[in-house]
C-alpha atoms as a PDB file:
ATOM      1  CA  MET A   1      23.955 -15.901 -12.754  1.00  0.00           C
ATOM      2  CA  SER A   2      20.737 -15.151 -14.651  1.00  0.00           C
ATOM      3  CA  ASN A   3      19.199 -11.732 -15.074  1.00  0.00           C
ATOM      4  CA  TYR A   4      15.695 -11.111 -16.400  1.00  0.00           C
ATOM      5  CA  ASP A   5      15.198  -7.639 -14.923  1.00  0.00           C
ATOM      6  CA  ILE A   6      11.955  -5.863 -15.793  1.00  0.00           C
ATOM      7  CA  GLN A   7      10.605  -2.346 -15.536  1.00  0.00           C
ATOM      8  CA  PRO A   8       7.341  -2.447 -13.548  1.00  0.00           C
ATOM      9  CA  LEU A   9       4.159  -1.288 -15.260  1.00  0.00           C
ATOM     10  CA  ALA A  10       2.863   2.115 -14.166  1.00  0.00           C
ATOM     11  CA  THR A  11      -0.467   0.533 -13.138  1.00  0.00           C
ATOM     12  CA  MET A  12      -1.766  -3.028 -12.971  1.00  0.00           C
ATOM     13  CA  ILE A  13      -5.440  -3.939 -12.665  1.00  0.00           C
ATOM     14  CA  ILE A  14      -6.083  -6.726 -10.164  1.00  0.00           C
ATOM     15  CA  ASN A  15      -9.348  -8.515 -10.888  1.00  0.00           C
ATOM     16  CA  SER A  16      -9.112 -12.245 -10.188  1.00  0.00           C
ATOM     17  CA  ASP A  17      -9.973 -13.643  -6.750  1.00  0.00           C
ATOM     18  CA  GLU A  18      -6.439 -15.090  -6.476  1.00  0.00           C
ATOM     19  CA  GLN A  19      -4.823 -11.716  -7.196  1.00  0.00           C
ATOM     20  CA  ILE A  20      -7.105  -9.871  -4.769  1.00  0.00           C
ATOM     21  CA  ARG A  21      -6.461 -12.416  -1.990  1.00  0.00           C
ATOM     22  CA  ALA A  22      -2.717 -12.119  -2.582  1.00  0.00           C
ATOM     23  CA  TYR A  23      -2.802  -8.309  -2.625  1.00  0.00           C
ATOM     24  CA  VAL A  24      -5.118  -7.527   0.279  1.00  0.00           C
ATOM     25  CA  ASN A  25      -2.643  -8.319   3.023  1.00  0.00           C
ATOM     26  CA  PRO A  26      -0.638  -5.688   4.927  1.00  0.00           C
ATOM     27  CA  THR A  27       2.653  -7.586   4.783  1.00  0.00           C
ATOM     28  CA  ARG A  28       2.299  -8.229   1.057  1.00  0.00           C
ATOM     29  CA  MET A  29       1.444  -4.582   0.396  1.00  0.00           C
ATOM     30  CA  THR A  30       4.652  -3.623   2.191  1.00  0.00           C
ATOM     31  CA  ILE A  31       6.654  -6.181   0.181  1.00  0.00           C
ATOM     32  CA  LEU A  32       5.194  -4.788  -3.056  1.00  0.00           C
ATOM     33  CA  ALA A  33       6.211  -1.261  -2.019  1.00  0.00           C
ATOM     34  CA  TYR A  34       9.812  -2.404  -1.465  1.00  0.00           C
ATOM     35  CA  LEU A  35       9.901  -4.372  -4.732  1.00  0.00           C
ATOM     36  CA  ALA A  36       8.461  -1.444  -6.700  1.00  0.00           C
ATOM     37  CA  LYS A  37      11.543   0.601  -5.746  1.00  0.00           C
ATOM     38  CA  GLU A  38      14.146  -2.021  -6.643  1.00  0.00           C
ATOM     39  CA  LYS A  39      14.741  -5.736  -7.075  1.00  0.00           C
ATOM     40  CA  GLN A  40      15.286  -7.512  -3.767  1.00  0.00           C
ATOM     41  CA  SER A  41      15.476 -10.986  -2.301  1.00  0.00           C
ATOM     42  CA  VAL A  42      13.362 -12.405   0.522  1.00  0.00           C
ATOM     43  CA  SER A  43      16.330 -11.906   2.870  1.00  0.00           C
ATOM     44  CA  MET A  44      16.824  -8.282   1.829  1.00  0.00           C
ATOM     45  CA  VAL A  45      13.180  -7.399   2.493  1.00  0.00           C
ATOM     46  CA  ALA A  46      13.213  -9.385   5.748  1.00  0.00           C
ATOM     47  CA  GLY A  47      16.208  -7.337   6.904  1.00  0.00           C
ATOM     48  CA  GLN A  48      14.324  -4.094   6.334  1.00  0.00           C
ATOM     49  CA  LEU A  49      11.230  -5.414   8.113  1.00  0.00           C
ATOM     50  CA  LYS A  50      13.372  -6.849  10.923  1.00  0.00           C
ATOM     51  CA  VAL A  51      11.824 -10.326  10.615  1.00  0.00           C
ATOM     52  CA  HIS A  52      13.241 -13.760   9.809  1.00  0.00           C
ATOM     53  CA  PRO A  53      13.181 -14.546   6.050  1.00  0.00           C
ATOM     54  CA  ALA A  54      11.149 -17.699   6.773  1.00  0.00           C
ATOM     55  CA  ASN A  55       8.292 -15.403   7.871  1.00  0.00           C
ATOM     56  CA  LEU A  56       8.113 -13.906   4.370  1.00  0.00           C
ATOM     57  CA  THR A  57       8.667 -16.903   2.098  1.00  0.00           C
ATOM     58  CA  HIS A  58       4.968 -17.820   1.809  1.00  0.00           C
ATOM     59  CA  HIS A  59       4.095 -14.176   1.083  1.00  0.00           C
ATOM     60  CA  PHE A  60       6.583 -14.070  -1.804  1.00  0.00           C
ATOM     61  CA  LYS A  61       5.182 -17.362  -3.143  1.00  0.00           C
ATOM     62  CA  ALA A  62       1.598 -16.045  -3.032  1.00  0.00           C
ATOM     63  CA  LEU A  63       2.587 -12.797  -4.767  1.00  0.00           C
ATOM     64  CA  GLU A  64       4.568 -14.628  -7.460  1.00  0.00           C
ATOM     65  CA  LYS A  65       1.791 -17.172  -8.084  1.00  0.00           C
ATOM     66  CA  ALA A  66      -0.715 -14.321  -8.507  1.00  0.00           C
ATOM     67  CA  GLY A  67       1.622 -12.544 -10.952  1.00  0.00           C
ATOM     68  CA  LEU A  68       2.092  -9.489  -8.720  1.00  0.00           C
ATOM     69  CA  ILE A  69       5.866  -9.986  -8.464  1.00  0.00           C
ATOM     70  CA  LYS A  70       8.308 -11.544 -10.906  1.00  0.00           C
ATOM     71  CA  LEU A  71      11.609 -13.347 -10.468  1.00  0.00           C
ATOM     72  CA  VAL A  72      14.135 -11.069 -12.200  1.00  0.00           C
ATOM     73  CA  GLU A  73      17.562 -12.333 -11.170  1.00  0.00           C
ATOM     74  CA  LYS A  74      19.355 -15.359  -9.759  1.00  0.00           C
ATOM     75  CA  ARG A  75      22.748 -14.952  -8.074  1.00  0.00           C
ATOM     76  CA  GLU A  76      25.197 -17.542  -6.864  1.00  0.00           C
ATOM     77  CA  THR A  77      26.257 -16.651  -3.315  1.00  0.00           C
ATOM     78  CA  GLY A  78      28.640 -19.415  -2.337  1.00  0.00           C
ATOM     79  CA  LYS A  79      26.520 -22.446  -1.512  1.00  0.00           C
ATOM     80  CA  ASN A  80      23.192 -20.670  -2.008  1.00  0.00           C
ATOM     81  CA  LEU A  81      21.213 -19.351  -4.946  1.00  0.00           C
ATOM     82  CA  GLU A  82      19.796 -15.906  -4.203  1.00  0.00           C
ATOM     83  CA  LYS A  83      16.579 -15.018  -6.038  1.00  0.00           C
ATOM     84  CA  LEU A  84      15.682 -11.377  -6.588  1.00  0.00           C
ATOM     85  CA  TYR A  85      12.139 -10.229  -7.332  1.00  0.00           C
ATOM     86  CA  ARG A  86      10.513  -7.087  -8.680  1.00  0.00           C
ATOM     87  CA  ALA A  87       6.928  -5.844  -8.395  1.00  0.00           C
ATOM     88  CA  ALA A  88       4.932  -6.230 -11.602  1.00  0.00           C
ATOM     89  CA  ALA A  89       3.716  -2.613 -11.242  1.00  0.00           C
ATOM     90  CA  PHE A  90       4.256   0.560  -9.255  1.00  0.00           C
ATOM     91  CA  GLN A  91       0.533   0.865  -8.512  1.00  0.00           C
ATOM     92  CA  PHE A  92      -2.211  -1.741  -8.208  1.00  0.00           C
ATOM     93  CA  ILE A  93      -5.925  -1.074  -8.726  1.00  0.00           C
ATOM     94  CA  VAL A  94      -8.480  -3.612  -7.503  1.00  0.00           C
ATOM     95  CA  GLU A  95     -11.440  -4.157  -9.850  1.00  0.00           C
ATOM     96  CA  PRO A  96     -13.122  -7.483  -8.978  1.00  0.00           C
ATOM     97  CA  GLU A  97     -14.398  -9.466 -11.968  1.00  0.00           C
ATOM     98  CA  ASN A  98     -16.958 -11.169  -9.709  1.00  0.00           C
ATOM     99  CA  GLU A  99     -20.026  -8.896  -9.738  1.00  0.00           C
ATOM    100  CA  THR A 100     -21.264 -10.303  -6.414  1.00  0.00           C
ATOM    101  CA  THR A 101     -18.226  -8.922  -4.561  1.00  0.00           C
ATOM    102  CA  ASN A 102     -19.246  -6.167  -2.155  1.00  0.00           C
ATOM    103  CA  LYS A 103     -17.020  -3.458  -3.606  1.00  0.00           C
ATOM    104  CA  GLN A 104     -17.775  -0.981  -0.814  1.00  0.00           C
ATOM    105  CA  VAL A 105     -16.584  -3.392   1.862  1.00  0.00           C
ATOM    106  CA  LEU A 106     -13.629  -4.501  -0.268  1.00  0.00           C
ATOM    107  CA  GLY A 107     -12.467  -0.901  -0.656  1.00  0.00           C
ATOM    108  CA  LEU A 108     -12.470  -0.328   3.090  1.00  0.00           C
ATOM    109  CA  ILE A 109     -10.698  -3.656   3.704  1.00  0.00           C
ATOM    110  CA  ILE A 110      -7.922  -2.614   1.330  1.00  0.00           C
ATOM    111  CA  LEU A 111      -7.578   0.767   3.063  1.00  0.00           C
ATOM    112  CA  ARG A 112      -7.535  -0.937   6.465  1.00  0.00           C
ATOM    113  CA  ASP A 113      -4.828  -3.339   5.361  1.00  0.00           C
ATOM    114  CA  ASN A 114      -2.814  -0.495   3.858  1.00  0.00           C
ATOM    115  CA  LEU A 115      -2.998   1.359   7.185  1.00  0.00           C
ATOM    116  CA  ASN A 116      -1.982  -1.784   9.072  1.00  0.00           C
ATOM    117  CA  ALA A 117       1.058  -2.154   6.809  1.00  0.00           C
ATOM    118  CA  SER A 118       1.953   1.493   7.417  1.00  0.00           C
ATOM    119  CA  ILE A 119       1.561   1.067  11.184  1.00  0.00           C
ATOM    120  CA  GLN A 120       4.008  -1.831  11.153  1.00  0.00           C
ATOM    121  CA  ALA A 121       6.473   0.156   9.019  1.00  0.00           C
ATOM    122  CA  LEU A 122       6.262   3.126  11.415  1.00  0.00           C
ATOM    123  CA  LYS A 123       6.902   0.869  14.392  1.00  0.00           C
ATOM    124  CA  ASN A 124      10.137  -0.283  12.731  1.00  0.00           C
ATOM    125  CA  GLN A 125      11.380   3.128  11.596  1.00  0.00           C
ATOM    126  CA  THR A 126      14.544   4.509  13.133  1.00  0.00           C
ATOM    127  CA  GLU A 127      13.636   8.211  12.932  1.00  0.00           C
ATOM    128  CA  GLU A 128      10.372   9.959  13.806  1.00  0.00           C
ATOM    129  CA  LYS A 129       8.356  11.445  10.954  1.00  0.00           C
ATOM    130  CA  ASP A 130       5.211  13.546  11.237  1.00  0.00           C
ATOM    131  CA  VAL A 131       1.846  11.875  10.717  1.00  0.00           C
ATOM    132  CA  LEU A 132      -1.452  13.681  10.186  1.00  0.00           C
ATOM    133  CA  ALA A 133      -4.629  11.741  10.993  1.00  0.00           C
ATOM    134  CA  VAL A 134      -8.108  13.252  10.628  1.00  0.00           C
ATOM    135  CA  ILE A 135     -11.535  11.730  11.201  1.00  0.00           C
ATOM    136  CA  LYS A 136     -14.401  14.065  10.309  1.00  0.00           C
ATOM    137  CA  THR A 137     -18.113  13.342  10.165  1.00  0.00           C
ATOM    138  CA  VAL A 138     -19.806  15.273   7.355  1.00  0.00           C
ATOM    139  CA  ARG A 139     -23.095  15.262   5.459  1.00  0.00           C
ATOM    140  CA  ILE A 140     -22.587  14.865   1.702  1.00  0.00           C
ATOM    141  CA  ASP A 141     -25.160  14.317  -1.016  1.00  0.00           C
ATOM    142  CA  GLN A 142     -24.597  11.050  -2.920  1.00  0.00           C
ATOM    143  CA  ARG A 143     -24.400  13.038  -6.156  1.00  0.00           C
ATOM    144  CA  ASP A 144     -21.398  14.986  -4.807  1.00  0.00           C
ATOM    145  CA  LEU A 145     -19.200  11.971  -3.938  1.00  0.00           C
ATOM    146  CA  ALA A 146     -17.395  11.855  -7.290  1.00  0.00           C
ATOM    147  CA  ARG A 147     -16.734  15.621  -7.183  1.00  0.00           C
ATOM    148  CA  PHE A 148     -15.456  15.304  -3.599  1.00  0.00           C
ATOM    149  CA  GLY A 149     -13.084  12.491  -4.629  1.00  0.00           C
ATOM    150  CA  LYS A 150     -11.776  14.474  -7.610  1.00  0.00           C
ATOM    151  CA  ARG A 151     -11.048  17.540  -5.463  1.00  0.00           C
ATOM    152  CA  LEU A 152      -9.247  15.401  -2.900  1.00  0.00           C
ATOM    153  CA  LEU A 153      -7.061  13.825  -5.608  1.00  0.00           C
ATOM    154  CA  ASP A 154      -6.443  17.238  -7.197  1.00  0.00           C
ATOM    155  CA  LEU A 155      -5.256  18.544  -3.816  1.00  0.00           C
ATOM    156  CA  ALA A 156      -2.940  15.553  -3.317  1.00  0.00           C
ATOM    157  CA  ASN A 157      -1.559  15.978  -6.858  1.00  0.00           C
ATOM    158  CA  GLU A 158      -1.049  19.724  -6.360  1.00  0.00           C
ATOM    159  CA  PHE A 159       1.070  19.204  -3.253  1.00  0.00           C
ATOM    160  CA  GLY A 160       2.781  16.106  -4.651  1.00  0.00           C
ATOM    161  CA  ASN A 161       3.835  17.898  -7.838  1.00  0.00           C
ATOM    162  CA  SER A 162       5.041  21.029  -6.049  1.00  0.00           C
ATOM    163  CA  SER A 163       7.167  19.235  -3.440  1.00  0.00           C
ATOM    164  CA  SER A 164      10.904  19.110  -3.890  1.00  0.00           C
ATOM    165  CA  ASP A 165      12.842  15.885  -4.360  1.00  0.00           C
ATOM    166  CA  LYS A 166      14.089  16.351  -0.808  1.00  0.00           C
ATOM    167  CA  GLY A 167      10.558  16.152   0.618  1.00  0.00           C
ATOM    168  CA  GLU A 168       9.356  13.164   2.610  1.00  0.00           C
ATOM    169  CA  VAL A 169       7.308  10.544   0.720  1.00  0.00           C
ATOM    170  CA  TYR A 170       3.805  10.231   2.206  1.00  0.00           C
ATOM    171  CA  SER A 171       0.822   8.037   1.369  1.00  0.00           C
ATOM    172  CA  LEU A 172      -2.711   9.410   1.435  1.00  0.00           C
ATOM    173  CA  ASN A 173      -5.266   6.850   2.610  1.00  0.00           C
ATOM    174  CA  ALA A 174      -8.756   8.326   2.364  1.00  0.00           C
ATOM    175  CA  SER A 175     -12.187   6.824   2.804  1.00  0.00           C
ATOM    176  CA  LEU A 176     -15.695   8.220   2.862  1.00  0.00           C
ATOM    177  CA  TYR A 177     -18.271   5.793   4.206  1.00  0.00           C
ATOM    178  CA  PRO A 178     -21.759   5.767   5.770  1.00  0.00           C
ATOM    179  CA  THR A 179     -21.783   6.111   9.541  1.00  0.00           C
ATOM    180  CA  ASP A 180     -24.333   5.726  12.321  1.00  0.00           C
ATOM    181  CA  ALA A 181     -23.695   9.254  13.594  1.00  0.00           C
ATOM    182  CA  GLY A 182     -27.290  10.239  12.762  1.00  0.00           C
ATOM    183  CA  ASN A 183     -28.212  13.901  12.941  1.00  0.00           C
ATOM    184  CA  VAL A 184     -25.364  14.954  15.214  1.00  0.00           C
ATOM    185  CA  PRO A 185     -23.374  18.032  14.124  1.00  0.00           C
ATOM    186  CA  ALA A 186     -20.244  17.494  12.051  1.00  0.00           C
ATOM    187  CA  ARG A 187     -17.434  16.171  14.249  1.00  0.00           C
ATOM    188  CA  GLU A 188     -13.697  16.189  13.745  1.00  0.00           C
ATOM    189  CA  VAL A 189     -10.812  14.361  15.380  1.00  0.00           C
ATOM    190  CA  SER A 190      -7.427  15.599  14.230  1.00  0.00           C
ATOM    191  CA  ILE A 191      -4.137  14.140  15.428  1.00  0.00           C
ATOM    192  CA  ARG A 192      -0.635  15.221  14.508  1.00  0.00           C
ATOM    193  CA  VAL A 193       2.244  13.238  15.873  1.00  0.00           C
ATOM    194  CA  ASP A 194       4.193  16.436  16.553  1.00  0.00           C
ATOM    195  CA  ASP A 195       1.376  17.622  18.891  1.00  0.00           C
ATOM    196  CA  VAL A 196       2.029  14.748  21.260  1.00  0.00           C
ATOM    197  CA  LYS A 197       5.832  14.739  21.170  1.00  0.00           C
ATOM    198  CA  LYS A 198       7.449  15.387  24.522  1.00  0.00           C
END
């Protein structure tokens, strides 16, 4: 039995094409979330996702090759050798080193993939949890985007810091992007899962 356990970094910057390709995948984002919490094997994660371990092996290989996860323990389990992995960081930030990368599109792709991973996780959950989804069309001056983003993060931090340890863990996935809505008045679509429960 070998043990090389690590404590994940608080934040890791992802900038190479290989790292970005490995990260921007809903299944891999979900794997990273599991491995940030604790060391796990392919089989352990597969059990939580309710898939066959063979479906995850290539994802683990891609994440390990890109340096996003690390092998931290090997265990003898009878005839087999069980390998346990840990995420290299709790949070990953994408900053492409290639200046020609369309960062606006990349940002939305990452958010889309994060939502897809969350959708799959919600489909597999055993108990219902509330979800709040809002789409709102607004008119914002380009100069106000940074201030808008800061206020949104401040709001998330305020609620996150004031919640008790017994509170549910939620992810905030926010995007502000140009739309073809034209000069129509501001629109809003708001959906809460508890509004549609029977």
